[in-house]
Amino acid sequence: MEQDLAFLLPLLMGLLQQGRGGPLEVEPREPVVAVALGGSQQFTCRLPCAGPRAASVQWRGLDTSLGAVQSGAGSSVLSVHNASLSASGTRVCVGSCGNLTFQHTVQVLVFAFPNQLTVSPVTLVAGRDQELACTAHNITPVSPDALSLSLLLGDQELEGVQVLSRDEEEEPQEGEDLLFRVTERWLLPSLGTLAPPTLHCQATMRLPGLELSHRHPIPVLHSLTSPEPPITTSPEATLEQDSTDSPGSPGPKPGNSSIKPCRPEIHQSPAPGGLELLCEAACGPDIAVHWTRAPGDLATYKMWEDGARAWLSVLWAGCNPEGWFQCRLEPGGQTASLYLLPEICSPPVSEALWIGSLVLGLLLLTFLTYRLWKRCQSTS
């Protein structure tokens, strides 16, 4: 009986060791390895084996594409290049020394987390309750454990924020990878007059052994400016003027609502053959205004600048240009816009057509004069 047990014990120990984790050296060592979509990762598996025979080591995959494998004496290297979502899955390194077999399992997780955040509205206004939506695009995975969206004041989450909803939708893709956009909506508390100039929407991706985050700034305006009324300047054109503050532009001082923010204004005056536009800002020294937009190519217009004043000449050429003219204040970034819409637009008369009409008129006048002279001769 004792001899039978002595014979069976080594056999049972070998069966227990077979298929279990053993002295395999695997890099990376983590059981779950996150790989960015389109990225690359290399997995190395080694097995030291005592004795004259070298260890047999091989990477194997379960239900997924394995990748490129190079195996040699005592080691095997698995390379994943340009990772797609289909590369996610289980990889197993199997090694054997004689009659002993060992294995090590690695879970490959391919994720997508580009810096593609959008917010709506693009700016916030202090002193009022308002809703805000922040969207992260082309994301996977999208579970709340993996992806979170938050609203930050400085480096801390903004207090008093109420979560309204969280939506997950598929992004239209040309390839096989299925990506999503995640939108979270909040009801914000009223931001006081001492609110900072910028909040941030932050998206955070948390995966085993990995934490990434992206931020999108959201400017906070301390005042709103209303558009100027439409201005009719001449029978040939209708102009609409609008002034806006860009993010971070200076607003009124707290406690004095009568002080308006500094912003440029556009004025027009008739000029030979067209209009002359003047952009100016009466905001004190060390400021300048520049023309930044005009229908067509801005470089084709005649412009000249002098600090806080900038002129632009608009010449009529048959049909005058239609569209937005815009100038910008520096520093500050406030803009003023002017939309020009023609009411009378006639095609230009070519010089050849004008000369032809003149010659035809002279011939007709000559013919009538000759007929009249002939009639006077016959009556006399």
Protein backbone atom coordinates (compact mmCIF):
# COMPACT_ATOMS: atom_id res chain seq x y z
CA MET A 1 0.00 0.00 0.00
CA GLU A 2 2.78 2.41 0.93
CA GLN A 3 4.62 1.57 -2.29
CA ASP A 4 1.48 2.35 -4.32
CA LEU A 5 1.11 5.73 -2.59
CA ALA A 6 4.76 6.52 -3.17
CA PHE A 7 4.25 5.81 -6.87
CA LEU A 8 1.00 7.79 -7.22
CA LEU A 9 2.12 10.91 -5.31
CA PRO A 10 4.55 12.26 -7.94
CA LEU A 11 1.98 11.55 -10.64
CA LEU A 12 -0.75 13.48 -8.79
CA MET A 13 1.62 16.40 -8.13
CA GLY A 14 2.45 16.59 -11.84
CA LEU A 15 -1.24 16.65 -12.77
CA LEU A 16 -1.89 19.44 -10.26
CA GLN A 17 0.97 21.51 -11.65
CA GLN A 18 -0.07 20.97 -15.22
CA GLY A 19 -2.29 23.80 -16.50
CA ARG A 20 -1.70 26.01 -13.47
CA GLY A 21 0.20 29.26 -13.27
CA GLY A 22 3.88 28.63 -12.82
CA PRO A 23 7.29 30.31 -13.12
CA LEU A 24 6.45 32.09 -16.37
CA GLU A 25 8.00 35.54 -16.71
CA VAL A 26 5.52 37.77 -18.54
CA GLU A 27 5.89 41.47 -19.43
CA PRO A 28 3.78 43.50 -18.85
CA ARG A 29 2.88 41.73 -15.62
CA GLU A 30 -0.64 43.20 -15.24
CA PRO A 31 -3.52 40.77 -15.85
CA VAL A 32 -5.36 43.47 -17.90
CA VAL A 33 -3.41 45.66 -20.35
CA ALA A 34 -5.09 48.68 -21.97
CA VAL A 35 -4.00 49.54 -25.51
CA ALA A 36 -5.09 52.73 -27.33
CA LEU A 37 -6.98 52.34 -30.60
CA GLY A 38 -4.41 52.43 -33.38
CA GLY A 39 -1.58 51.93 -30.89
CA SER A 40 0.93 49.12 -30.44
CA GLN A 41 1.89 46.82 -27.58
CA GLN A 42 4.39 43.98 -27.14
CA PHE A 43 3.95 41.03 -24.77
CA THR A 44 6.96 38.88 -23.85
CA CYS A 45 6.71 35.47 -22.19
CA ARG A 46 9.75 33.49 -20.93
CA LEU A 47 10.18 30.17 -19.15
CA PRO A 48 13.48 29.13 -17.60
CA CYS A 49 13.87 25.37 -17.79
CA ALA A 50 16.52 23.33 -15.95
CA GLY A 51 18.09 20.46 -17.79
CA PRO A 52 19.36 19.83 -21.27
CA ARG A 53 16.04 20.46 -22.99
CA ALA A 54 14.93 24.05 -23.68
CA ALA A 55 11.46 25.16 -22.61
CA SER A 56 8.68 25.32 -25.17
CA VAL A 57 6.82 28.66 -24.98
CA GLN A 58 3.98 29.85 -27.21
CA TRP A 59 1.36 32.63 -27.16
CA ARG A 60 -2.18 31.56 -27.98
CA GLY A 61 -5.38 33.54 -28.45
CA LEU A 62 -9.00 32.82 -27.58
CA ASP A 63 -11.77 33.86 -30.00
CA THR A 64 -9.79 36.87 -31.32
CA SER A 65 -7.01 37.63 -33.75
CA LEU A 66 -3.74 36.79 -32.10
CA GLY A 67 -1.34 39.26 -33.68
CA ALA A 68 2.25 38.70 -34.73
CA VAL A 69 4.02 35.97 -32.72
CA GLN A 70 7.72 35.19 -32.74
CA SER A 71 8.75 32.19 -30.64
CA GLY A 72 12.22 30.87 -29.91
CA ALA A 73 14.00 28.75 -27.35
CA GLY A 74 12.42 29.50 -24.00
CA SER A 75 10.53 32.67 -25.04
CA SER A 76 7.69 33.97 -27.18
CA VAL A 77 6.91 37.58 -28.18
CA LEU A 78 3.40 38.71 -29.15
CA SER A 79 3.18 42.06 -31.00
CA VAL A 80 -0.06 43.96 -31.54
CA HIS A 81 0.27 46.71 -34.18
CA ASN A 82 -2.28 49.38 -35.14
CA ALA A 83 -4.72 47.92 -32.63
CA SER A 84 -8.36 47.72 -33.67
CA LEU A 85 -11.27 46.99 -31.36
CA SER A 86 -11.24 43.39 -32.60
CA ALA A 87 -7.82 42.98 -31.00
CA SER A 88 -9.46 43.05 -27.56
CA GLY A 89 -9.62 39.66 -25.90
CA THR A 90 -7.73 37.00 -23.99
CA ARG A 91 -4.15 35.97 -24.71
CA VAL A 92 -2.60 32.91 -23.09
CA CYS A 93 1.09 32.10 -22.84
CA VAL A 94 1.66 28.34 -22.51
CA GLY A 95 5.07 27.00 -21.53
CA SER A 96 6.31 23.50 -20.77
CA CYS A 97 9.40 22.00 -19.24
CA GLY A 98 9.45 18.28 -19.76
CA ASN A 99 6.16 16.94 -18.52
CA LEU A 100 5.32 20.13 -16.59
CA THR A 101 3.03 22.72 -18.23
CA PHE A 102 2.43 26.31 -17.09
CA GLN A 103 0.24 29.09 -18.40
CA HIS A 104 -0.36 32.80 -17.90
CA THR A 105 -3.45 34.72 -19.06
CA VAL A 106 -3.50 38.36 -20.17
CA GLN A 107 -6.63 40.37 -21.04
CA VAL A 108 -6.04 42.91 -23.84
CA LEU A 109 -8.43 45.89 -23.71
CA VAL A 110 -8.42 48.27 -26.70
CA PHE A 111 -9.85 51.71 -25.86
CA ALA A 112 -10.51 54.99 -27.72
CA PHE A 113 -10.22 58.31 -25.89
CA PRO A 114 -9.34 61.20 -28.24
CA ASN A 115 -9.33 64.81 -27.07
CA GLN A 116 -12.65 65.63 -28.75
CA LEU A 117 -14.88 67.48 -26.29
CA THR A 118 -17.67 69.90 -27.19
CA VAL A 119 -19.95 71.95 -24.96
CA SER A 120 -23.30 73.66 -25.41
CA PRO A 121 -23.64 76.55 -24.86
CA VAL A 122 -20.07 77.54 -25.62
CA THR A 123 -20.14 80.28 -22.97
CA LEU A 124 -21.87 80.72 -19.62
CA VAL A 125 -23.33 83.86 -18.06
CA ALA A 126 -22.81 84.73 -14.42
CA GLY A 127 -25.86 85.45 -12.28
CA ARG A 128 -28.37 82.99 -13.75
CA ASP A 129 -29.29 79.32 -13.57
CA GLN A 130 -28.57 77.56 -16.84
CA GLU A 131 -28.20 74.14 -18.42
CA LEU A 132 -24.94 72.86 -19.86
CA ALA A 133 -24.18 69.82 -22.02
CA CYS A 134 -20.72 68.34 -22.49
CA THR A 135 -20.06 65.65 -25.11
CA ALA A 136 -17.08 63.32 -25.52
CA HIS A 137 -16.80 61.99 -29.09
CA ASN A 138 -15.44 58.72 -30.55
CA ILE A 139 -15.15 56.93 -27.21
CA THR A 140 -15.02 53.30 -26.09
CA PRO A 141 -15.66 51.83 -23.56
CA VAL A 142 -18.45 54.11 -22.34
CA SER A 143 -19.62 52.53 -19.11
CA PRO A 144 -19.76 54.97 -16.17
CA ASP A 145 -17.00 52.95 -14.47
CA ALA A 146 -14.70 53.61 -17.42
CA LEU A 147 -15.76 57.10 -18.58
CA SER A 148 -16.88 59.97 -16.38
CA LEU A 149 -17.72 63.59 -17.18
CA SER A 150 -17.48 66.35 -14.61
CA LEU A 151 -17.61 70.14 -14.35
CA LEU A 152 -14.61 71.72 -12.64
CA LEU A 153 -14.07 75.01 -10.87
CA GLY A 154 -10.30 75.20 -10.71
CA ASP A 155 -9.21 71.68 -9.82
CA GLN A 156 -12.35 70.83 -7.83
CA GLU A 157 -15.79 69.77 -8.99
CA LEU A 158 -18.29 72.63 -9.07
CA GLU A 159 -20.66 72.38 -6.12
CA GLY A 160 -24.42 72.55 -6.50
CA VAL A 161 -24.48 70.95 -9.96
CA GLN A 162 -27.51 68.77 -10.71
CA VAL A 163 -27.09 65.94 -13.23
CA LEU A 164 -30.03 65.95 -15.66
CA SER A 165 -29.18 63.09 -18.01
CA ARG A 166 -26.45 60.95 -19.58
CA ASP A 167 -26.84 59.76 -23.18
CA GLU A 168 -24.72 57.27 -25.12
CA GLU A 169 -25.08 57.16 -28.92
CA GLU A 170 -23.17 55.48 -31.73
CA GLU A 171 -20.88 57.68 -33.80
CA PRO A 172 -21.11 57.25 -37.60
CA GLN A 173 -17.95 55.46 -38.68
CA GLU A 174 -16.55 54.36 -42.03
CA GLY A 175 -14.49 51.48 -40.59
CA GLU A 176 -15.46 48.45 -38.54
CA ASP A 177 -14.71 50.00 -35.15
CA LEU A 178 -17.85 50.92 -33.22
CA LEU A 179 -17.33 54.15 -31.29
CA PHE A 180 -19.72 56.24 -29.22
CA ARG A 181 -20.41 59.79 -28.13
CA VAL A 182 -21.37 60.37 -24.52
CA THR A 183 -23.29 63.50 -23.49
CA GLU A 184 -23.91 64.55 -19.92
CA ARG A 185 -26.27 67.42 -19.10
CA TRP A 186 -26.24 69.46 -15.92
CA LEU A 187 -28.30 72.19 -14.32
CA LEU A 188 -25.79 74.73 -13.04
CA PRO A 189 -26.23 76.93 -9.99
CA SER A 190 -26.20 80.68 -10.40
CA LEU A 191 -22.59 81.79 -10.82
CA GLY A 192 -21.97 84.88 -8.72
CA THR A 193 -20.24 88.06 -9.78
CA LEU A 194 -16.98 86.70 -8.34
CA ALA A 195 -17.08 83.62 -10.55
CA PRO A 196 -13.80 82.80 -12.33
CA PRO A 197 -13.46 83.67 -16.02
CA THR A 198 -13.43 79.97 -17.03
CA LEU A 199 -14.91 76.64 -15.96
CA HIS A 200 -13.86 73.30 -17.46
CA CYS A 201 -15.65 70.18 -18.60
CA GLN A 202 -13.40 67.22 -17.85
CA ALA A 203 -13.66 63.74 -19.34
CA THR A 204 -11.79 61.00 -17.49
CA MET A 205 -11.06 57.47 -18.72
CA ARG A 206 -10.23 54.96 -15.96
CA LEU A 207 -9.04 51.52 -16.98
CA PRO A 208 -6.91 48.94 -15.14
CA GLY A 209 -3.49 50.49 -14.70
CA LEU A 210 -4.44 53.63 -16.65
CA GLU A 211 -6.13 56.98 -16.01
CA LEU A 212 -6.39 59.70 -18.68
CA SER A 213 -8.29 63.00 -18.77
CA HIS A 214 -9.09 65.82 -21.20
CA ARG A 215 -10.44 69.30 -20.39
CA HIS A 216 -12.46 71.78 -22.42
CA PRO A 217 -12.62 75.42 -21.23
CA ILE A 218 -16.00 77.14 -20.85
CA PRO A 219 -15.71 80.95 -20.61
CA VAL A 220 -17.93 82.73 -18.07
CA LEU A 221 -19.25 86.12 -19.17
CA HIS A 222 -20.19 88.68 -16.57
CA SER A 223 -22.46 90.68 -18.90
CA LEU A 224 -24.44 90.29 -22.08
CA THR A 225 -24.44 92.79 -24.95
CA SER A 226 -27.45 93.18 -27.18
CA PRO A 227 -27.16 93.57 -30.95
CA GLU A 228 -27.39 97.02 -32.42
CA PRO A 229 -30.54 97.80 -34.46
CA PRO A 230 -30.36 97.45 -38.25
CA ILE A 231 -29.04 100.53 -40.04
CA THR A 232 -30.17 101.67 -43.50
CA THR A 233 -27.48 103.81 -45.06
CA SER A 234 -28.22 104.33 -48.75
CA PRO A 235 -30.76 103.29 -51.43
CA GLU A 236 -28.23 100.78 -52.73
CA ALA A 237 -27.56 98.72 -49.64
CA THR A 238 -28.95 97.64 -46.27
CA LEU A 239 -26.51 97.05 -43.42
CA GLU A 240 -27.00 95.26 -40.14
CA GLN A 241 -24.54 95.79 -37.32
CA ASP A 242 -23.83 93.47 -34.43
CA SER A 243 -21.20 93.66 -31.67
CA THR A 244 -20.14 90.72 -29.55
CA ASP A 245 -17.75 90.05 -26.69
CA SER A 246 -15.33 87.20 -27.15
CA PRO A 247 -14.52 84.78 -24.29
CA GLY A 248 -12.47 86.44 -21.61
CA SER A 249 -13.22 89.98 -22.71
CA PRO A 250 -13.38 92.64 -20.00
CA GLY A 251 -16.82 93.28 -18.57
CA PRO A 252 -18.31 95.96 -16.31
CA LYS A 253 -16.79 96.49 -12.92
CA PRO A 254 -18.74 94.89 -10.03
CA GLY A 255 -21.15 97.26 -8.38
CA ASN A 256 -21.34 99.68 -11.31
CA SER A 257 -23.70 98.41 -14.00
CA SER A 258 -23.60 101.72 -15.86
CA ILE A 259 -20.09 101.04 -17.19
CA LYS A 260 -20.29 99.17 -20.49
CA PRO A 261 -17.59 96.81 -21.69
CA CYS A 262 -15.14 98.22 -24.18
CA ARG A 263 -15.97 97.11 -27.73
CA PRO A 264 -15.40 98.35 -31.27
CA GLU A 265 -18.03 99.93 -33.49
CA ILE A 266 -18.34 100.12 -37.27
CA HIS A 267 -19.44 103.32 -39.03
CA GLN A 268 -19.92 103.95 -42.74
CA SER A 269 -19.90 106.94 -45.00
CA PRO A 270 -20.47 107.39 -48.76
CA ALA A 271 -17.37 107.46 -50.90
CA PRO A 272 -16.83 107.90 -54.66
CA GLY A 273 -17.87 104.62 -56.24
CA GLY A 274 -18.85 102.89 -53.01
CA LEU A 275 -18.63 103.09 -49.21
CA GLU A 276 -15.92 103.70 -46.66
CA LEU A 277 -16.16 101.65 -43.45
CA LEU A 278 -14.54 102.84 -40.22
CA CYS A 279 -13.97 100.56 -37.23
CA GLU A 280 -13.06 102.40 -34.05
CA ALA A 281 -12.95 101.82 -30.30
CA ALA A 282 -12.90 104.64 -27.75
CA CYS A 283 -11.40 102.55 -24.96
CA GLY A 284 -8.32 104.45 -23.92
CA PRO A 285 -4.64 104.09 -24.89
CA ASP A 286 -2.69 100.98 -25.92
CA ILE A 287 -5.45 99.39 -27.99
CA ALA A 288 -5.79 98.65 -31.67
CA VAL A 289 -8.45 97.44 -34.07
CA HIS A 290 -7.97 95.28 -37.15
CA TRP A 291 -10.22 94.16 -39.98
CA THR A 292 -10.54 90.36 -39.82
CA ARG A 293 -13.32 89.45 -42.26
CA ALA A 294 -14.89 90.63 -45.51
CA PRO A 295 -16.85 88.96 -48.33
CA GLY A 296 -14.43 87.15 -50.60
CA ASP A 297 -10.71 87.68 -49.96
CA LEU A 298 -9.92 90.29 -47.32
CA ALA A 299 -6.57 90.98 -49.00
CA THR A 300 -8.32 92.36 -52.10
CA TYR A 301 -9.76 95.32 -50.16
CA LYS A 302 -7.98 98.62 -49.60
CA MET A 303 -7.39 98.98 -45.84
CA TRP A 304 -5.40 101.26 -43.57
CA GLU A 305 -5.07 101.31 -39.76
CA ASP A 306 -4.12 103.81 -37.11
CA GLY A 307 -4.25 102.36 -33.58
CA ALA A 308 -7.84 102.40 -32.39
CA ARG A 309 -9.17 103.23 -35.89
CA ALA A 310 -9.16 101.14 -39.05
CA TRP A 311 -10.65 101.96 -42.47
CA LEU A 312 -11.80 99.70 -45.28
CA SER A 313 -12.90 100.80 -48.75
CA VAL A 314 -15.84 99.02 -50.41
CA LEU A 315 -16.15 99.76 -54.12
CA TRP A 316 -19.28 98.98 -56.11
CA ALA A 317 -18.55 96.94 -59.23
CA GLY A 318 -21.95 96.31 -60.77
CA CYS A 319 -23.15 93.97 -57.99
CA ASN A 320 -21.57 95.08 -54.73
CA PRO A 321 -20.17 92.42 -52.34
CA GLU A 322 -22.70 90.80 -50.01
CA GLY A 323 -21.80 89.35 -46.61
CA TRP A 324 -20.20 90.07 -43.25
CA PHE A 325 -17.50 92.64 -42.51
CA GLN A 326 -15.84 92.17 -39.12
CA CYS A 327 -13.20 93.98 -37.07
CA ARG A 328 -11.53 92.93 -33.82
CA LEU A 329 -10.23 94.78 -30.76
CA GLU A 330 -6.80 93.97 -29.35
CA PRO A 331 -6.27 93.26 -26.53
CA GLY A 332 -9.61 91.87 -25.41
CA GLY A 333 -10.79 90.16 -28.58
CA GLN A 334 -14.22 91.85 -28.83
CA THR A 335 -15.57 92.02 -32.36
CA ALA A 336 -18.02 94.16 -34.31
CA SER A 337 -19.75 92.80 -37.41
CA LEU A 338 -21.53 94.50 -40.30
CA TYR A 339 -23.67 92.67 -42.87
CA LEU A 340 -24.04 94.30 -46.26
CA LEU A 341 -26.99 93.23 -48.43
CA PRO A 342 -27.44 94.83 -51.89
CA GLU A 343 -30.92 95.97 -52.94
CA ILE A 344 -30.03 97.02 -56.51
CA CYS A 345 -27.82 94.72 -58.51
CA SER A 346 -27.54 95.28 -62.27
CA PRO A 347 -24.99 93.64 -64.57
CA PRO A 348 -22.25 95.97 -65.79
CA VAL A 349 -22.50 97.39 -69.33
CA SER A 350 -19.43 96.56 -71.35
CA GLU A 351 -17.54 99.29 -73.22
CA ALA A 352 -18.07 97.58 -76.61
CA LEU A 353 -21.82 97.39 -76.07
CA TRP A 354 -21.94 101.07 -75.09
CA ILE A 355 -19.99 102.16 -78.21
CA GLY A 356 -22.16 99.96 -80.45
CA SER A 357 -25.32 101.52 -79.04
CA LEU A 358 -23.91 105.02 -79.60
CA VAL A 359 -23.01 104.29 -83.25
CA LEU A 360 -26.44 102.79 -83.90
CA GLY A 361 -28.09 105.87 -82.44
CA LEU A 362 -26.02 108.20 -84.64
CA LEU A 363 -26.88 106.17 -87.77
CA LEU A 364 -30.57 106.30 -86.91
CA LEU A 365 -30.38 110.06 -86.34
CA THR A 366 -28.58 110.52 -89.69
CA PHE A 367 -31.21 108.46 -91.51
CA LEU A 368 -34.10 110.45 -90.00
CA THR A 369 -32.37 113.73 -90.83
CA TYR A 370 -31.88 112.62 -94.45
CA ARG A 371 -35.56 111.57 -94.85
CA LEU A 372 -36.72 114.87 -93.42
CA TRP A 373 -34.47 116.80 -95.83
CA LYS A 374 -35.79 114.78 -98.82
CA ARG A 375 -39.38 115.52 -97.85
CA CYS A 376 -38.68 119.24 -97.57
CA GLN A 377 -37.07 119.20 -101.07
CA SER A 378 -40.09 117.48 -102.68
CA THR A 379 -42.62 119.92 -101.25
CA SER A 380 -40.69 122.92 -102.45
